[in-house]
PDB file of N, CA and C in Angstrom:
ATOM      1  N   MET A   1     165.222 -66.735 215.680  1.00  0.00           N
ATOM      2  CA  MET A   1     164.867 -65.341 215.934  1.00  0.00           C
ATOM      3  C   MET A   1     165.856 -64.199 215.994  1.00  0.00           C
ATOM      4  N   SER A   2     165.543 -62.961 215.274  1.00  0.00           N
ATOM      5  CA  SER A   2     166.432 -62.246 215.633  1.00  0.00           C
ATOM      6  C   SER A   2     166.518 -61.464 216.751  1.00  0.00           C
ATOM      7  N   ASP A   3     167.738 -60.767 217.466  1.00  0.00           N
ATOM      8  CA  ASP A   3     168.275 -60.352 218.439  1.00  0.00           C
ATOM      9  C   ASP A   3     168.292 -58.734 218.430  1.00  0.00           C
ATOM     10  N   ARG A   4     168.070 -58.138 217.222  1.00  0.00           N
ATOM     11  CA  ARG A   4     168.256 -57.370 216.759  1.00  0.00           C
ATOM     12  C   ARG A   4     166.673 -56.260 216.390  1.00  0.00           C
ATOM     13  N   GLY A   5     166.824 -55.239 217.041  1.00  0.00           N
ATOM     14  CA  GLY A   5     165.477 -54.471 216.551  1.00  0.00           C
ATOM     15  C   GLY A   5     165.627 -52.914 216.529  1.00  0.00           C
ATOM     16  N   VAL A   6     164.689 -52.176 216.023  1.00  0.00           N
ATOM     17  CA  VAL A   6     164.451 -51.090 216.124  1.00  0.00           C
ATOM     18  C   VAL A   6     163.081 -50.617 215.992  1.00  0.00           C
ATOM     19  N   ILE A   7     162.759 -49.993 217.152  1.00  0.00           N
ATOM     20  CA  ILE A   7     161.528 -48.833 217.207  1.00  0.00           C
ATOM     21  C   ILE A   7     161.575 -47.764 216.898  1.00  0.00           C
ATOM     22  N   PHE A   8     160.679 -47.521 216.047  1.00  0.00           N
ATOM     23  CA  PHE A   8     160.443 -45.928 215.585  1.00  0.00           C
ATOM     24  C   PHE A   8     159.124 -45.541 216.271  1.00  0.00           C
ATOM     25  N   ASP A   9     159.152 -44.064 216.115  1.00  0.00           N
ATOM     26  CA  ASP A   9     158.064 -43.267 216.688  1.00  0.00           C
ATOM     27  C   ASP A   9     157.329 -43.062 215.400  1.00  0.00           C
ATOM     28  N   MET A  10     156.055 -42.628 215.306  1.00  0.00           N
ATOM     29  CA  MET A  10     155.268 -42.753 213.684  1.00  0.00           C
ATOM     30  C   MET A  10     155.170 -41.365 213.590  1.00  0.00           C
ATOM     31  N   ASP A  11     154.640 -40.382 214.275  1.00  0.00           N
ATOM     32  CA  ASP A  11     154.477 -39.307 214.125  1.00  0.00           C
ATOM     33  C   ASP A  11     155.938 -38.363 213.644  1.00  0.00           C
ATOM     34  N   GLY A  12     155.956 -38.044 212.816  1.00  0.00           N
ATOM     35  CA  GLY A  12     157.279 -37.429 211.980  1.00  0.00           C
ATOM     36  C   GLY A  12     158.650 -38.075 211.916  1.00  0.00           C
ATOM     37  N   VAL A  13     158.393 -39.204 212.161  1.00  0.00           N
ATOM     38  CA  VAL A  13     159.744 -40.232 211.598  1.00  0.00           C
ATOM     39  C   VAL A  13     158.917 -41.517 210.419  1.00  0.00           C
ATOM     40  N   LEU A  14     158.094 -41.841 210.854  1.00  0.00           N
ATOM     41  CA  LEU A  14     157.473 -42.925 209.659  1.00  0.00           C
ATOM     42  C   LEU A  14     156.302 -41.983 208.680  1.00  0.00           C
ATOM     43  N   VAL A  15     155.675 -41.063 209.445  1.00  0.00           N
ATOM     44  CA  VAL A  15     154.436 -40.517 208.919  1.00  0.00           C
ATOM     45  C   VAL A  15     154.845 -39.111 208.878  1.00  0.00           C
ATOM     46  N   ASP A  16     154.749 -38.270 208.096  1.00  0.00           N
ATOM     47  CA  ASP A  16     155.027 -36.954 208.080  1.00  0.00           C
ATOM     48  C   ASP A  16     153.254 -36.655 208.185  1.00  0.00           C
ATOM     49  N   SER A  17     152.899 -36.344 209.411  1.00  0.00           N
ATOM     50  CA  SER A  17     151.749 -36.103 209.811  1.00  0.00           C
ATOM     51  C   SER A  17     151.437 -34.931 210.330  1.00  0.00           C
ATOM     52  N   TYR A  18     152.099 -33.883 210.159  1.00  0.00           N
ATOM     53  CA  TYR A  18     151.583 -32.639 210.511  1.00  0.00           C
ATOM     54  C   TYR A  18     150.335 -31.883 209.633  1.00  0.00           C
ATOM     55  N   GLN A  19     150.403 -31.868 208.272  1.00  0.00           N
ATOM     56  CA  GLN A  19     149.521 -31.640 207.357  1.00  0.00           C
ATOM     57  C   GLN A  19     147.993 -32.338 207.839  1.00  0.00           C
ATOM     58  N   ALA A  20     148.224 -33.789 208.095  1.00  0.00           N
ATOM     59  CA  ALA A  20     147.068 -34.502 208.347  1.00  0.00           C
ATOM     60  C   ALA A  20     146.206 -34.031 209.446  1.00  0.00           C
ATOM     61  N   HIS A  21     147.108 -33.866 210.766  1.00  0.00           N
ATOM     62  CA  HIS A  21     146.860 -33.419 211.770  1.00  0.00           C
ATOM     63  C   HIS A  21     145.867 -32.299 211.749  1.00  0.00           C
ATOM     64  N   PHE A  22     146.496 -31.299 211.005  1.00  0.00           N
ATOM     65  CA  PHE A  22     145.993 -29.803 211.065  1.00  0.00           C
ATOM     66  C   PHE A  22     144.815 -29.959 210.442  1.00  0.00           C
ATOM     67  N   VAL A  23     144.453 -30.574 209.162  1.00  0.00           N
ATOM     68  CA  VAL A  23     143.094 -30.794 208.254  1.00  0.00           C
ATOM     69  C   VAL A  23     142.033 -31.790 209.392  1.00  0.00           C
ATOM     70  N   SER A  24     142.505 -32.398 210.320  1.00  0.00           N
ATOM     71  CA  SER A  24     141.753 -33.673 210.978  1.00  0.00           C
ATOM     72  C   SER A  24     141.103 -32.392 212.380  1.00  0.00           C
ATOM     73  N   TRP A  25     142.101 -31.273 212.770  1.00  0.00           N
ATOM     74  CA  TRP A  25     141.776 -30.334 213.441  1.00  0.00           C
ATOM     75  C   TRP A  25     140.870 -29.306 213.219  1.00  0.00           C
ATOM     76  N   SER A  26     140.885 -29.021 211.627  1.00  0.00           N
ATOM     77  CA  SER A  26     140.107 -28.052 211.321  1.00  0.00           C
ATOM     78  C   SER A  26     138.758 -28.454 210.892  1.00  0.00           C
ATOM     79  N   ARG A  27     138.619 -29.878 210.534  1.00  0.00           N
ATOM     80  CA  ARG A  27     137.257 -30.244 210.392  1.00  0.00           C
ATOM     81  C   ARG A  27     136.568 -30.594 211.489  1.00  0.00           C
ATOM     82  N   MET A  28     137.170 -31.162 212.662  1.00  0.00           N
ATOM     83  CA  MET A  28     136.919 -31.380 213.556  1.00  0.00           C
ATOM     84  C   MET A  28     136.144 -29.927 214.331  1.00  0.00           C
ATOM     85  N   ALA A  29     136.955 -29.059 214.572  1.00  0.00           N
ATOM     86  CA  ALA A  29     136.560 -27.784 214.695  1.00  0.00           C
ATOM     87  C   ALA A  29     135.437 -27.162 214.163  1.00  0.00           C
ATOM     88  N   ALA A  30     135.459 -27.342 212.814  1.00  0.00           N
ATOM     89  CA  ALA A  30     134.375 -26.840 211.940  1.00  0.00           C
ATOM     90  C   ALA A  30     133.228 -27.495 211.972  1.00  0.00           C
ATOM     91  N   GLU A  31     133.001 -28.801 212.541  1.00  0.00           N
ATOM     92  CA  GLU A  31     131.854 -29.810 212.662  1.00  0.00           C
ATOM     93  C   GLU A  31     131.241 -29.165 213.984  1.00  0.00           C
ATOM     94  N   ARG A  32     132.109 -28.478 214.737  1.00  0.00           N
ATOM     95  CA  ARG A  32     131.295 -28.079 216.430  1.00  0.00           C
ATOM     96  C   ARG A  32     131.311 -26.425 216.163  1.00  0.00           C
ATOM     97  N   GLY A  33     131.267 -26.017 215.033  1.00  0.00           N
ATOM     98  CA  GLY A  33     131.050 -24.498 215.042  1.00  0.00           C
ATOM     99  C   GLY A  33     132.502 -24.025 215.524  1.00  0.00           C
ATOM    100  N   LEU A  34     133.805 -23.861 215.637  1.00  0.00           N
ATOM    101  CA  LEU A  34     134.772 -23.638 215.987  1.00  0.00           C
ATOM    102  C   LEU A  34     135.669 -23.527 215.219  1.00  0.00           C
ATOM    103  N   VAL A  35     136.970 -23.193 215.067  1.00  0.00           N
ATOM    104  CA  VAL A  35     137.995 -22.552 214.182  1.00  0.00           C
ATOM    105  C   VAL A  35     139.379 -22.665 214.982  1.00  0.00           C
ATOM    106  N   ILE A  36     140.204 -23.190 214.499  1.00  0.00           N
ATOM    107  CA  ILE A  36     141.522 -23.372 214.773  1.00  0.00           C
ATOM    108  C   ILE A  36     142.401 -23.061 213.834  1.00  0.00           C
ATOM    109  N   THR A  37     143.449 -22.050 213.940  1.00  0.00           N
ATOM    110  CA  THR A  37     144.279 -21.300 212.828  1.00  0.00           C
ATOM    111  C   THR A  37     145.525 -22.163 213.031  1.00  0.00           C
ATOM    112  N   GLN A  38     146.173 -21.792 211.891  1.00  0.00           N
ATOM    113  CA  GLN A  38     147.494 -22.671 211.368  1.00  0.00           C
ATOM    114  C   GLN A  38     148.216 -22.186 212.413  1.00  0.00           C
ATOM    115  N   GLU A  39     148.169 -20.822 213.271  1.00  0.00           N
ATOM    116  CA  GLU A  39     149.155 -20.695 214.269  1.00  0.00           C
ATOM    117  C   GLU A  39     148.749 -21.385 215.757  1.00  0.00           C
ATOM    118  N   GLN A  40     147.559 -21.254 215.839  1.00  0.00           N
ATOM    119  CA  GLN A  40     146.987 -22.024 217.074  1.00  0.00           C
ATOM    120  C   GLN A  40     147.701 -23.765 217.142  1.00  0.00           C
ATOM    121  N   PHE A  41     147.428 -23.955 215.577  1.00  0.00           N
ATOM    122  CA  PHE A  41     147.549 -25.491 215.695  1.00  0.00           C
ATOM    123  C   PHE A  41     149.461 -25.595 216.071  1.00  0.00           C
ATOM    124  N   ALA A  42     150.098 -24.606 215.289  1.00  0.00           N
ATOM    125  CA  ALA A  42     151.693 -25.032 215.432  1.00  0.00           C
ATOM    126  C   ALA A  42     151.967 -24.940 216.846  1.00  0.00           C
ATOM    127  N   ALA A  43     151.192 -23.704 217.428  1.00  0.00           N
ATOM    128  CA  ALA A  43     151.376 -23.584 218.833  1.00  0.00           C
ATOM    129  C   ALA A  43     151.325 -25.001 219.994  1.00  0.00           C
ATOM    130  N   THR A  44     150.259 -25.845 219.266  1.00  0.00           N
ATOM    131  CA  THR A  44     150.175 -26.511 220.364  1.00  0.00           C
ATOM    132  C   THR A  44     150.388 -28.541 219.977  1.00  0.00           C
ATOM    133  N   PHE A  45     151.300 -28.267 218.519  1.00  0.00           N
ATOM    134  CA  PHE A  45     151.444 -29.629 218.149  1.00  0.00           C
ATOM    135  C   PHE A  45     152.209 -30.140 218.935  1.00  0.00           C
ATOM    136  N   GLY A  46     152.180 -31.748 219.012  1.00  0.00           N
ATOM    137  CA  GLY A  46     153.037 -32.395 219.911  1.00  0.00           C
ATOM    138  C   GLY A  46     152.503 -32.818 221.034  1.00  0.00           C
ATOM    139  N   ARG A  47     150.971 -31.750 221.594  1.00  0.00           N
ATOM    140  CA  ARG A  47     150.310 -32.145 222.820  1.00  0.00           C
ATOM    141  C   ARG A  47     149.113 -33.208 222.732  1.00  0.00           C
ATOM    142  N   THR A  48     148.795 -33.371 223.955  1.00  0.00           N
ATOM    143  CA  THR A  48     147.634 -34.147 223.558  1.00  0.00           C
ATOM    144  C   THR A  48     146.303 -33.496 223.133  1.00  0.00           C
ATOM    145  N   THR A  49     145.282 -34.189 222.120  1.00  0.00           N
ATOM    146  CA  THR A  49     144.208 -33.739 221.813  1.00  0.00           C
ATOM    147  C   THR A  49     143.361 -32.892 222.839  1.00  0.00           C
ATOM    148  N   ARG A  50     143.108 -33.867 224.098  1.00  0.00           N
ATOM    149  CA  ARG A  50     142.327 -33.243 225.182  1.00  0.00           C
ATOM    150  C   ARG A  50     143.156 -31.931 225.694  1.00  0.00           C
ATOM    151  N   GLU A  51     144.491 -31.944 225.851  1.00  0.00           N
ATOM    152  CA  GLU A  51     145.066 -30.893 226.344  1.00  0.00           C
ATOM    153  C   GLU A  51     144.791 -29.447 225.590  1.00  0.00           C
ATOM    154  N   ILE A  52     144.852 -29.799 224.194  1.00  0.00           N
ATOM    155  CA  ILE A  52     144.721 -28.659 222.937  1.00  0.00           C
ATOM    156  C   ILE A  52     143.292 -28.125 223.198  1.00  0.00           C
ATOM    157  N   ILE A  53     142.288 -29.267 223.154  1.00  0.00           N
ATOM    158  CA  ILE A  53     140.760 -28.813 223.214  1.00  0.00           C
ATOM    159  C   ILE A  53     140.570 -27.911 224.584  1.00  0.00           C
ATOM    160  N   ARG A  54     140.775 -28.362 225.508  1.00  0.00           N
ATOM    161  CA  ARG A  54     140.634 -27.554 227.122  1.00  0.00           C
ATOM    162  C   ARG A  54     141.280 -26.113 226.990  1.00  0.00           C
ATOM    163  N   GLN A  55     142.517 -25.953 226.332  1.00  0.00           N
ATOM    164  CA  GLN A  55     143.165 -24.763 225.957  1.00  0.00           C
ATOM    165  C   GLN A  55     142.624 -23.925 225.274  1.00  0.00           C
ATOM    166  N   LEU A  56     141.967 -24.460 223.922  1.00  0.00           N
ATOM    167  CA  LEU A  56     141.710 -23.330 222.855  1.00  0.00           C
ATOM    168  C   LEU A  56     140.007 -23.319 223.223  1.00  0.00           C
ATOM    169  N   TRP A  57     139.189 -24.104 223.704  1.00  0.00           N
ATOM    170  CA  TRP A  57     137.946 -23.762 223.772  1.00  0.00           C
ATOM    171  C   TRP A  57     137.286 -24.177 225.030  1.00  0.00           C
ATOM    172  N   SER A  58     138.031 -24.376 226.214  1.00  0.00           N
ATOM    173  CA  SER A  58     137.414 -24.633 227.894  1.00  0.00           C
ATOM    174  C   SER A  58     135.973 -23.595 228.051  1.00  0.00           C
ATOM    175  N   ASP A  59     136.476 -22.347 227.385  1.00  0.00           N
ATOM    176  CA  ASP A  59     135.282 -21.218 227.532  1.00  0.00           C
ATOM    177  C   ASP A  59     134.222 -21.582 226.788  1.00  0.00           C
ATOM    178  N   ARG A  60     133.955 -22.589 225.790  1.00  0.00           N
ATOM    179  CA  ARG A  60     133.047 -22.901 225.030  1.00  0.00           C
ATOM    180  C   ARG A  60     132.311 -23.841 224.719  1.00  0.00           C
ATOM    181  N   ILE A  61     132.896 -24.993 225.604  1.00  0.00           N
ATOM    182  CA  ILE A  61     132.313 -26.262 225.770  1.00  0.00           C
ATOM    183  C   ILE A  61     132.423 -27.047 226.998  1.00  0.00           C
ATOM    184  N   GLY A  62     131.593 -28.184 227.290  1.00  0.00           N
ATOM    185  CA  GLY A  62     131.768 -28.722 228.425  1.00  0.00           C
ATOM    186  C   GLY A  62     132.631 -29.969 228.655  1.00  0.00           C
ATOM    187  N   GLU A  63     133.123 -29.966 229.682  1.00  0.00           N
ATOM    188  CA  GLU A  63     134.153 -31.030 229.876  1.00  0.00           C
ATOM    189  C   GLU A  63     133.733 -32.597 229.255  1.00  0.00           C
ATOM    190  N   ASP A  64     132.213 -32.672 229.511  1.00  0.00           N
ATOM    191  CA  ASP A  64     132.033 -33.915 228.725  1.00  0.00           C
ATOM    192  C   ASP A  64     131.748 -33.796 226.973  1.00  0.00           C
ATOM    193  N   ASP A  65     131.969 -32.979 226.704  1.00  0.00           N
ATOM    194  CA  ASP A  65     132.310 -32.514 225.243  1.00  0.00           C
ATOM    195  C   ASP A  65     133.700 -33.111 224.523  1.00  0.00           C
ATOM    196  N   ILE A  66     134.767 -32.985 225.543  1.00  0.00           N
ATOM    197  CA  ILE A  66     135.898 -33.217 225.757  1.00  0.00           C
ATOM    198  C   ILE A  66     135.891 -34.508 224.611  1.00  0.00           C
ATOM    199  N   ALA A  67     135.792 -35.791 225.206  1.00  0.00           N
ATOM    200  CA  ALA A  67     135.791 -36.746 225.193  1.00  0.00           C
ATOM    201  C   ALA A  67     135.262 -37.085 223.714  1.00  0.00           C
ATOM    202  N   HIS A  68     134.202 -36.562 223.268  1.00  0.00           N
ATOM    203  CA  HIS A  68     133.760 -36.961 222.170  1.00  0.00           C
ATOM    204  C   HIS A  68     134.474 -36.279 220.715  1.00  0.00           C
ATOM    205  N   MET A  69     134.701 -35.054 221.231  1.00  0.00           N
ATOM    206  CA  MET A  69     135.458 -34.072 220.139  1.00  0.00           C
ATOM    207  C   MET A  69     137.110 -35.006 220.011  1.00  0.00           C
ATOM    208  N   ASP A  70     137.942 -35.414 221.521  1.00  0.00           N
ATOM    209  CA  ASP A  70     139.139 -36.085 221.128  1.00  0.00           C
ATOM    210  C   ASP A  70     138.959 -37.297 220.001  1.00  0.00           C
ATOM    211  N   GLU A  71     137.232 -38.060 220.001  1.00  0.00           N
ATOM    212  CA  GLU A  71     137.304 -39.245 219.385  1.00  0.00           C
ATOM    213  C   GLU A  71     136.981 -38.961 217.934  1.00  0.00           C
ATOM    214  N   LEU A  72     136.155 -37.880 217.431  1.00  0.00           N
ATOM    215  CA  LEU A  72     136.121 -37.324 216.607  1.00  0.00           C
ATOM    216  C   LEU A  72     137.322 -36.819 215.976  1.00  0.00           C
ATOM    217  N   LYS A  73     138.056 -36.036 216.439  1.00  0.00           N
ATOM    218  CA  LYS A  73     138.920 -35.761 215.649  1.00  0.00           C
ATOM    219  C   LYS A  73     140.461 -37.257 215.305  1.00  0.00           C
ATOM    220  N   GLU A  74     140.471 -37.946 216.086  1.00  0.00           N
ATOM    221  CA  GLU A  74     141.080 -38.764 215.515  1.00  0.00           C
ATOM    222  C   GLU A  74     140.433 -40.298 214.616  1.00  0.00           C
ATOM    223  N   GLN A  75     139.373 -39.849 214.609  1.00  0.00           N
ATOM    224  CA  GLN A  75     138.207 -40.543 213.711  1.00  0.00           C
ATOM    225  C   GLN A  75     138.755 -40.114 212.200  1.00  0.00           C
ATOM    226  N   ILE A  76     138.528 -38.587 212.214  1.00  0.00           N
ATOM    227  CA  ILE A  76     138.977 -37.870 210.964  1.00  0.00           C
ATOM    228  C   ILE A  76     140.686 -37.780 210.733  1.00  0.00           C
ATOM    229  N   TYR A  77     141.148 -38.039 211.380  1.00  0.00           N
ATOM    230  CA  TYR A  77     142.657 -37.880 211.146  1.00  0.00           C
ATOM    231  C   TYR A  77     142.982 -39.493 210.304  1.00  0.00           C
ATOM    232  N   ARG A  78     142.324 -40.751 210.795  1.00  0.00           N
ATOM    233  CA  ARG A  78     142.657 -42.099 210.388  1.00  0.00           C
ATOM    234  C   ARG A  78     141.722 -41.832 208.708  1.00  0.00           C
ATOM    235  N   GLU A  79     141.021 -41.211 208.822  1.00  0.00           N
ATOM    236  CA  GLU A  79     140.379 -40.921 207.255  1.00  0.00           C
ATOM    237  C   GLU A  79     141.208 -40.267 206.668  1.00  0.00           C
ATOM    238  N   VAL A  80     141.779 -38.821 206.896  1.00  0.00           N
ATOM    239  CA  VAL A  80     142.683 -38.529 206.524  1.00  0.00           C
ATOM    240  C   VAL A  80     143.863 -39.364 205.764  1.00  0.00           C
ATOM    241  N   LEU A  81     144.462 -39.868 206.878  1.00  0.00           N
ATOM    242  CA  LEU A  81     145.573 -40.877 206.504  1.00  0.00           C
ATOM    243  C   LEU A  81     145.234 -41.905 205.457  1.00  0.00           C
ATOM    244  N   LEU A  82     143.898 -42.726 205.750  1.00  0.00           N
ATOM    245  CA  LEU A  82     143.635 -43.941 204.687  1.00  0.00           C
ATOM    246  C   LEU A  82     143.455 -43.062 203.310  1.00  0.00           C
ATOM    247  N   ALA A  83     143.097 -41.723 203.120  1.00  0.00           N
ATOM    248  CA  ALA A  83     142.879 -41.408 201.689  1.00  0.00           C
ATOM    249  C   ALA A  83     143.977 -40.933 200.992  1.00  0.00           C
ATOM    250  N   ASP A  84     144.850 -40.387 201.860  1.00  0.00           N
ATOM    251  CA  ASP A  84     146.283 -40.147 201.369  1.00  0.00           C
ATOM    252  C   ASP A  84     147.366 -40.260 202.266  1.00  0.00           C
ATOM    253  N   PHE A  85     148.170 -41.287 202.185  1.00  0.00           N
ATOM    254  CA  PHE A  85     148.973 -42.021 203.347  1.00  0.00           C
ATOM    255  C   PHE A  85     150.503 -40.724 203.368  1.00  0.00           C
ATOM    256  N   PRO A  86     150.649 -40.112 204.279  1.00  0.00           N
ATOM    257  CA  PRO A  86     151.913 -39.212 204.147  1.00  0.00           C
ATOM    258  C   PRO A  86     153.192 -39.953 204.646  1.00  0.00           C
ATOM    259  N   GLN A  87     153.671 -40.719 203.595  1.00  0.00           N
ATOM    260  CA  GLN A  87     154.825 -41.586 204.348  1.00  0.00           C
ATOM    261  C   GLN A  87     155.929 -40.848 204.219  1.00  0.00           C
ATOM    262  N   MET A  88     157.114 -40.442 205.530  1.00  0.00           N
ATOM    263  CA  MET A  88     158.197 -39.868 205.449  1.00  0.00           C
ATOM    264  C   MET A  88     158.877 -40.404 204.324  1.00  0.00           C
ATOM    265  N   ASP A  89     159.973 -39.456 203.468  1.00  0.00           N
ATOM    266  CA  ASP A  89     160.411 -39.724 202.584  1.00  0.00           C
ATOM    267  C   ASP A  89     161.681 -40.775 202.925  1.00  0.00           C
ATOM    268  N   GLY A  90     161.605 -41.901 202.192  1.00  0.00           N
ATOM    269  CA  GLY A  90     162.595 -43.039 202.548  1.00  0.00           C
ATOM    270  C   GLY A  90     162.271 -43.813 203.392  1.00  0.00           C
ATOM    271  N   ALA A  91     161.403 -43.697 204.221  1.00  0.00           N
ATOM    272  CA  ALA A  91     160.882 -44.766 205.306  1.00  0.00           C
ATOM    273  C   ALA A  91     160.784 -45.789 205.047  1.00  0.00           C
ATOM    274  N   GLY A  92     159.496 -45.965 204.013  1.00  0.00           N
ATOM    275  CA  GLY A  92     159.607 -47.347 203.580  1.00  0.00           C
ATOM    276  C   GLY A  92     160.907 -48.229 203.223  1.00  0.00           C
ATOM    277  N   GLU A  93     161.576 -47.431 202.780  1.00  0.00           N
ATOM    278  CA  GLU A  93     162.780 -48.146 202.055  1.00  0.00           C
ATOM    279  C   GLU A  93     163.693 -48.550 203.509  1.00  0.00           C
ATOM    280  N   LEU A  94     163.700 -47.852 204.009  1.00  0.00           N
ATOM    281  CA  LEU A  94     164.311 -47.746 205.890  1.00  0.00           C
ATOM    282  C   LEU A  94     163.911 -49.178 206.032  1.00  0.00           C
ATOM    283  N   LEU A  95     162.712 -49.326 206.193  1.00  0.00           N
ATOM    284  CA  LEU A  95     161.714 -50.175 206.858  1.00  0.00           C
ATOM    285  C   LEU A  95     162.267 -51.730 205.946  1.00  0.00           C
ATOM    286  N   GLY A  96     161.682 -51.563 204.985  1.00  0.00           N
ATOM    287  CA  GLY A  96     162.257 -53.079 203.970  1.00  0.00           C
ATOM    288  C   GLY A  96     163.725 -53.200 204.520  1.00  0.00           C
ATOM    289  N   ALA A  97     164.752 -52.511 204.185  1.00  0.00           N
ATOM    290  CA  ALA A  97     165.760 -52.919 204.034  1.00  0.00           C
ATOM    291  C   ALA A  97     166.307 -53.297 205.651  1.00  0.00           C
ATOM    292  N   LEU A  98     165.826 -52.783 206.857  1.00  0.00           N
ATOM    293  CA  LEU A  98     165.888 -53.287 207.983  1.00  0.00           C
ATOM    294  C   LEU A  98     165.161 -54.245 208.422  1.00  0.00           C
ATOM    295  N   SER A  99     164.343 -54.850 207.767  1.00  0.00           N
ATOM    296  CA  SER A  99     163.392 -55.772 207.436  1.00  0.00           C
ATOM    297  C   SER A  99     164.138 -57.190 207.018  1.00  0.00           C
ATOM    298  N   GLU A 100     164.662 -56.957 206.033  1.00  0.00           N
ATOM    299  CA  GLU A 100     165.356 -57.845 204.660  1.00  0.00           C
ATOM    300  C   GLU A 100     166.994 -58.301 205.612  1.00  0.00           C
ATOM    301  N   ALA A 101     167.096 -57.137 206.190  1.00  0.00           N
ATOM    302  CA  ALA A 101     168.300 -57.567 207.300  1.00  0.00           C
ATOM    303  C   ALA A 101     168.114 -58.348 208.581  1.00  0.00           C
ATOM    304  N   GLY A 102     166.935 -58.570 208.896  1.00  0.00           N
ATOM    305  CA  GLY A 102     166.365 -59.270 210.110  1.00  0.00           C
ATOM    306  C   GLY A 102     166.359 -58.658 211.159  1.00  0.00           C
ATOM    307  N   PHE A 103     166.326 -57.610 210.977  1.00  0.00           N
ATOM    308  CA  PHE A 103     165.798 -56.456 212.240  1.00  0.00           C
ATOM    309  C   PHE A 103     164.026 -56.802 212.535  1.00  0.00           C
ATOM    310  N   LEU A 104     163.962 -57.186 213.877  1.00  0.00           N
ATOM    311  CA  LEU A 104     162.575 -56.962 214.300  1.00  0.00           C
ATOM    312  C   LEU A 104     161.993 -55.401 214.301  1.00  0.00           C
ATOM    313  N   LEU A 105     161.212 -54.940 213.907  1.00  0.00           N
ATOM    314  CA  LEU A 105     160.737 -53.906 213.694  1.00  0.00           C
ATOM    315  C   LEU A 105     159.699 -53.350 214.467  1.00  0.00           C
ATOM    316  N   GLY A 106     159.366 -52.413 215.540  1.00  0.00           N
ATOM    317  CA  GLY A 106     158.123 -52.173 216.228  1.00  0.00           C
ATOM    318  C   GLY A 106     158.216 -50.558 216.277  1.00  0.00           C
ATOM    319  N   ILE A 107     156.765 -50.046 216.304  1.00  0.00           N
ATOM    320  CA  ILE A 107     156.277 -48.558 216.624  1.00  0.00           C
ATOM    321  C   ILE A 107     156.313 -48.158 218.039  1.00  0.00           C
ATOM    322  N   GLY A 108     156.738 -47.286 218.619  1.00  0.00           N
ATOM    323  CA  GLY A 108     156.562 -46.735 219.861  1.00  0.00           C
ATOM    324  C   GLY A 108     155.567 -45.422 219.736  1.00  0.00           C
ATOM    325  N   SER A 109     154.491 -45.024 220.323  1.00  0.00           N
ATOM    326  CA  SER A 109     153.670 -43.760 219.780  1.00  0.00           C
ATOM    327  C   SER A 109     152.700 -43.664 221.051  1.00  0.00           C
ATOM    328  N   SER A 110     152.821 -42.101 221.061  1.00  0.00           N
ATOM    329  CA  SER A 110     151.646 -41.738 221.935  1.00  0.00           C
ATOM    330  C   SER A 110     150.484 -41.375 221.506  1.00  0.00           C
ATOM    331  N   GLY A 111     150.644 -41.723 220.443  1.00  0.00           N
ATOM    332  CA  GLY A 111     149.334 -41.358 219.575  1.00  0.00           C
ATOM    333  C   GLY A 111     148.228 -42.794 220.258  1.00  0.00           C
ATOM    334  N   PRO A 112     146.511 -42.709 219.781  1.00  0.00           N
ATOM    335  CA  PRO A 112     145.824 -43.441 219.963  1.00  0.00           C
ATOM    336  C   PRO A 112     146.182 -44.699 219.498  1.00  0.00           C
ATOM    337  N   PRO A 113     145.710 -46.242 220.167  1.00  0.00           N
ATOM    338  CA  PRO A 113     146.458 -47.226 219.485  1.00  0.00           C
ATOM    339  C   PRO A 113     145.662 -47.670 218.132  1.00  0.00           C
ATOM    340  N   GLN A 114     144.540 -46.712 218.060  1.00  0.00           N
ATOM    341  CA  GLN A 114     143.872 -47.030 216.702  1.00  0.00           C
ATOM    342  C   GLN A 114     144.459 -46.670 215.404  1.00  0.00           C
ATOM    343  N   THR A 115     145.186 -45.351 215.815  1.00  0.00           N
ATOM    344  CA  THR A 115     145.991 -45.277 214.535  1.00  0.00           C
ATOM    345  C   THR A 115     147.238 -45.787 214.351  1.00  0.00           C
ATOM    346  N   SER A 116     147.527 -46.126 215.212  1.00  0.00           N
ATOM    347  CA  SER A 116     149.247 -47.088 215.197  1.00  0.00           C
ATOM    348  C   SER A 116     148.533 -48.226 214.618  1.00  0.00           C
ATOM    349  N   ARG A 117     147.494 -48.903 214.933  1.00  0.00           N
ATOM    350  CA  ARG A 117     147.325 -50.384 214.268  1.00  0.00           C
ATOM    351  C   ARG A 117     146.797 -50.277 212.559  1.00  0.00           C
ATOM    352  N   SER A 118     146.425 -48.788 212.243  1.00  0.00           N
ATOM    353  CA  SER A 118     145.647 -48.916 211.011  1.00  0.00           C
ATOM    354  C   SER A 118     147.028 -48.900 209.950  1.00  0.00           C
ATOM    355  N   HIS A 119     148.064 -48.842 210.224  1.00  0.00           N
ATOM    356  CA  HIS A 119     148.622 -48.751 209.014  1.00  0.00           C
ATOM    357  C   HIS A 119     149.818 -50.036 209.357  1.00  0.00           C
TER     358      HIS A 119
END
């Protein structure tokens, strides 16, 4: 067993997830009759889904809707990734080279476990 390992963040390191997140936010919002602009999205990128929902739409939705909207957004995000996986340039080659060199590889992410496991 190797005594060397590397832990990668997923979003922005292994996955160029910016556009996939924006698409999933836009679709989720549209399904709820809401809109998220590119500017709103950019200003909230990196925060948790529930924080963003509260910030953008707390005056239009109830607290009980937040969990459902969070789940819907993440479901759409996984669908977007499965349809067109946006791997960061060189990520696959780097992972292959490290694995071949005997490194243990892992992912550390603040994203939901379902997203991390799906790839």
